N, C-alpha and C. Protein backbone atom coordinates (compact mmCIF):
# COMPACT_ATOMS: atom_id res chain seq x y z
N MET A 1 17.04 -26.94 5.10
CA MET A 1 16.70 -26.10 6.23
C MET A 1 16.83 -24.61 5.87
N MET A 2 17.94 -24.22 5.27
CA MET A 2 18.13 -22.82 4.89
C MET A 2 17.18 -22.40 3.78
N ILE A 3 16.86 -23.33 2.88
CA ILE A 3 15.95 -23.01 1.78
C ILE A 3 14.57 -22.68 2.33
N GLU A 4 14.11 -23.43 3.31
CA GLU A 4 12.81 -23.14 3.93
C GLU A 4 12.82 -21.78 4.62
N PHE A 5 13.93 -21.44 5.26
CA PHE A 5 14.05 -20.14 5.92
C PHE A 5 13.91 -19.00 4.91
N PHE A 6 14.60 -19.12 3.77
CA PHE A 6 14.52 -18.08 2.76
C PHE A 6 13.14 -18.00 2.12
N LYS A 7 12.51 -19.12 1.89
CA LYS A 7 11.15 -19.11 1.35
C LYS A 7 10.19 -18.41 2.31
N THR A 8 10.32 -18.72 3.60
CA THR A 8 9.45 -18.10 4.60
C THR A 8 9.71 -16.61 4.71
N THR A 9 10.99 -16.23 4.69
CA THR A 9 11.36 -14.82 4.81
C THR A 9 10.87 -14.02 3.61
N VAL A 10 11.06 -14.56 2.41
CA VAL A 10 10.60 -13.87 1.20
C VAL A 10 9.09 -13.76 1.20
N SER A 11 8.40 -14.81 1.58
CA SER A 11 6.94 -14.78 1.63
C SER A 11 6.44 -13.76 2.63
N PHE A 12 7.06 -13.71 3.80
CA PHE A 12 6.65 -12.74 4.81
C PHE A 12 6.89 -11.32 4.32
N GLY A 13 8.02 -11.08 3.67
CA GLY A 13 8.32 -9.75 3.12
C GLY A 13 7.31 -9.33 2.08
N SER A 14 6.89 -10.25 1.25
CA SER A 14 5.90 -9.93 0.22
C SER A 14 4.54 -9.61 0.84
N VAL A 15 4.12 -10.40 1.81
CA VAL A 15 2.84 -10.15 2.47
C VAL A 15 2.87 -8.82 3.21
N LEU A 16 3.97 -8.53 3.87
CA LEU A 16 4.10 -7.26 4.58
C LEU A 16 4.07 -6.09 3.61
N ALA A 17 4.77 -6.21 2.49
CA ALA A 17 4.78 -5.16 1.48
C ALA A 17 3.39 -4.93 0.89
N ILE A 18 2.66 -6.01 0.61
CA ILE A 18 1.30 -5.88 0.08
C ILE A 18 0.39 -5.20 1.08
N THR A 19 0.52 -5.57 2.34
CA THR A 19 -0.32 -4.97 3.39
C THR A 19 -0.05 -3.49 3.53
N ILE A 20 1.21 -3.12 3.58
CA ILE A 20 1.57 -1.69 3.70
C ILE A 20 1.09 -0.93 2.48
N SER A 21 1.34 -1.49 1.30
CA SER A 21 0.95 -0.82 0.06
C SER A 21 -0.56 -0.62 -0.01
N TRP A 22 -1.33 -1.64 0.35
CA TRP A 22 -2.79 -1.52 0.29
C TRP A 22 -3.28 -0.46 1.27
N SER A 23 -2.70 -0.42 2.48
CA SER A 23 -3.15 0.54 3.47
C SER A 23 -2.80 1.97 3.06
N MET A 24 -1.73 2.14 2.30
CA MET A 24 -1.33 3.48 1.88
C MET A 24 -2.02 3.91 0.58
N ASN A 25 -2.15 3.01 -0.39
CA ASN A 25 -2.59 3.39 -1.74
C ASN A 25 -3.99 2.94 -2.12
N LYS A 26 -4.50 1.88 -1.51
CA LYS A 26 -5.79 1.29 -1.87
C LYS A 26 -5.85 0.96 -3.36
N SER A 27 -4.75 0.44 -3.89
CA SER A 27 -4.67 0.10 -5.31
C SER A 27 -4.16 -1.32 -5.45
N LEU A 28 -4.91 -2.14 -6.19
CA LEU A 28 -4.51 -3.52 -6.41
C LEU A 28 -3.22 -3.60 -7.23
N PHE A 29 -3.10 -2.74 -8.23
CA PHE A 29 -1.89 -2.73 -9.06
C PHE A 29 -0.66 -2.49 -8.20
N TRP A 30 -0.68 -1.43 -7.36
CA TRP A 30 0.49 -1.12 -6.54
C TRP A 30 0.73 -2.19 -5.49
N ALA A 31 -0.31 -2.79 -4.97
CA ALA A 31 -0.14 -3.86 -3.98
C ALA A 31 0.59 -5.06 -4.61
N ILE A 32 0.20 -5.42 -5.82
CA ILE A 32 0.88 -6.52 -6.51
C ILE A 32 2.32 -6.15 -6.83
N PHE A 33 2.53 -4.96 -7.35
CA PHE A 33 3.88 -4.51 -7.68
C PHE A 33 4.78 -4.50 -6.45
N HIS A 34 4.28 -3.94 -5.35
CA HIS A 34 5.08 -3.89 -4.13
C HIS A 34 5.27 -5.27 -3.52
N GLY A 35 4.31 -6.16 -3.73
CA GLY A 35 4.48 -7.54 -3.29
C GLY A 35 5.61 -8.24 -4.02
N ILE A 36 5.77 -7.93 -5.30
CA ILE A 36 6.88 -8.48 -6.07
C ILE A 36 8.21 -7.91 -5.56
N CYS A 37 8.22 -6.63 -5.22
CA CYS A 37 9.43 -6.00 -4.70
C CYS A 37 9.77 -6.50 -3.29
N GLY A 38 8.75 -6.85 -2.52
CA GLY A 38 8.94 -7.46 -1.21
C GLY A 38 9.66 -6.57 -0.22
N TRP A 39 10.77 -7.08 0.30
CA TRP A 39 11.50 -6.39 1.36
C TRP A 39 12.04 -5.04 0.91
N LEU A 40 12.30 -4.86 -0.39
CA LEU A 40 12.79 -3.56 -0.86
C LEU A 40 11.76 -2.47 -0.57
N TYR A 41 10.48 -2.75 -0.80
CA TYR A 41 9.45 -1.77 -0.52
C TYR A 41 9.27 -1.56 0.98
N VAL A 42 9.38 -2.62 1.76
CA VAL A 42 9.25 -2.50 3.22
C VAL A 42 10.34 -1.59 3.76
N ILE A 43 11.57 -1.79 3.30
CA ILE A 43 12.69 -0.94 3.75
C ILE A 43 12.50 0.49 3.27
N TYR A 44 12.07 0.67 2.02
CA TYR A 44 11.80 2.01 1.49
C TYR A 44 10.73 2.72 2.34
N TYR A 45 9.67 2.00 2.67
CA TYR A 45 8.60 2.58 3.47
C TYR A 45 9.10 2.96 4.86
N ALA A 46 9.91 2.10 5.46
CA ALA A 46 10.42 2.37 6.81
C ALA A 46 11.33 3.59 6.82
N ILE A 47 12.18 3.72 5.82
CA ILE A 47 13.09 4.88 5.76
C ILE A 47 12.33 6.14 5.37
N GLY A 48 11.45 6.03 4.41
CA GLY A 48 10.73 7.19 3.89
C GLY A 48 9.71 7.74 4.87
N ASN A 49 9.18 6.92 5.76
CA ASN A 49 8.15 7.37 6.69
C ASN A 49 8.63 7.41 8.12
N SER A 50 9.94 7.45 8.34
CA SER A 50 10.46 7.44 9.70
C SER A 50 10.10 8.72 10.46
N ASN A 51 9.91 9.83 9.75
CA ASN A 51 9.57 11.09 10.40
C ASN A 51 8.10 11.43 10.33
N ASN A 52 7.32 10.61 9.63
CA ASN A 52 5.89 10.88 9.46
C ASN A 52 5.06 9.91 10.29
N ASP A 53 4.14 10.45 11.04
CA ASP A 53 3.21 9.60 11.79
C ASP A 53 1.91 9.52 11.01
N ASP A 54 1.30 8.34 11.00
CA ASP A 54 0.02 8.18 10.33
C ASP A 54 -1.15 8.62 11.19
N ILE A 55 -0.85 9.07 12.39
CA ILE A 55 -1.90 9.49 13.31
C ILE A 55 -2.26 10.94 13.03
N ASN A 56 -3.54 11.18 12.77
CA ASN A 56 -4.00 12.54 12.51
C ASN A 56 -4.07 13.29 13.84
N GLN A 57 -3.44 14.42 13.86
CA GLN A 57 -3.43 15.21 15.10
C GLN A 57 -4.35 16.38 14.99
């Protein structure tokens, strides 16, 4: 039961990291790299962009 939870969580973190990376960089290399990093990149993105809005004003 716990193993399935961790597999699902890691997979979701990787997909989220790839999605964020692709939307920011439009680079397959960085998307794959950030997908390997998974949740580390998601947390980095959340902390690093907490004061920046992606909305053009």
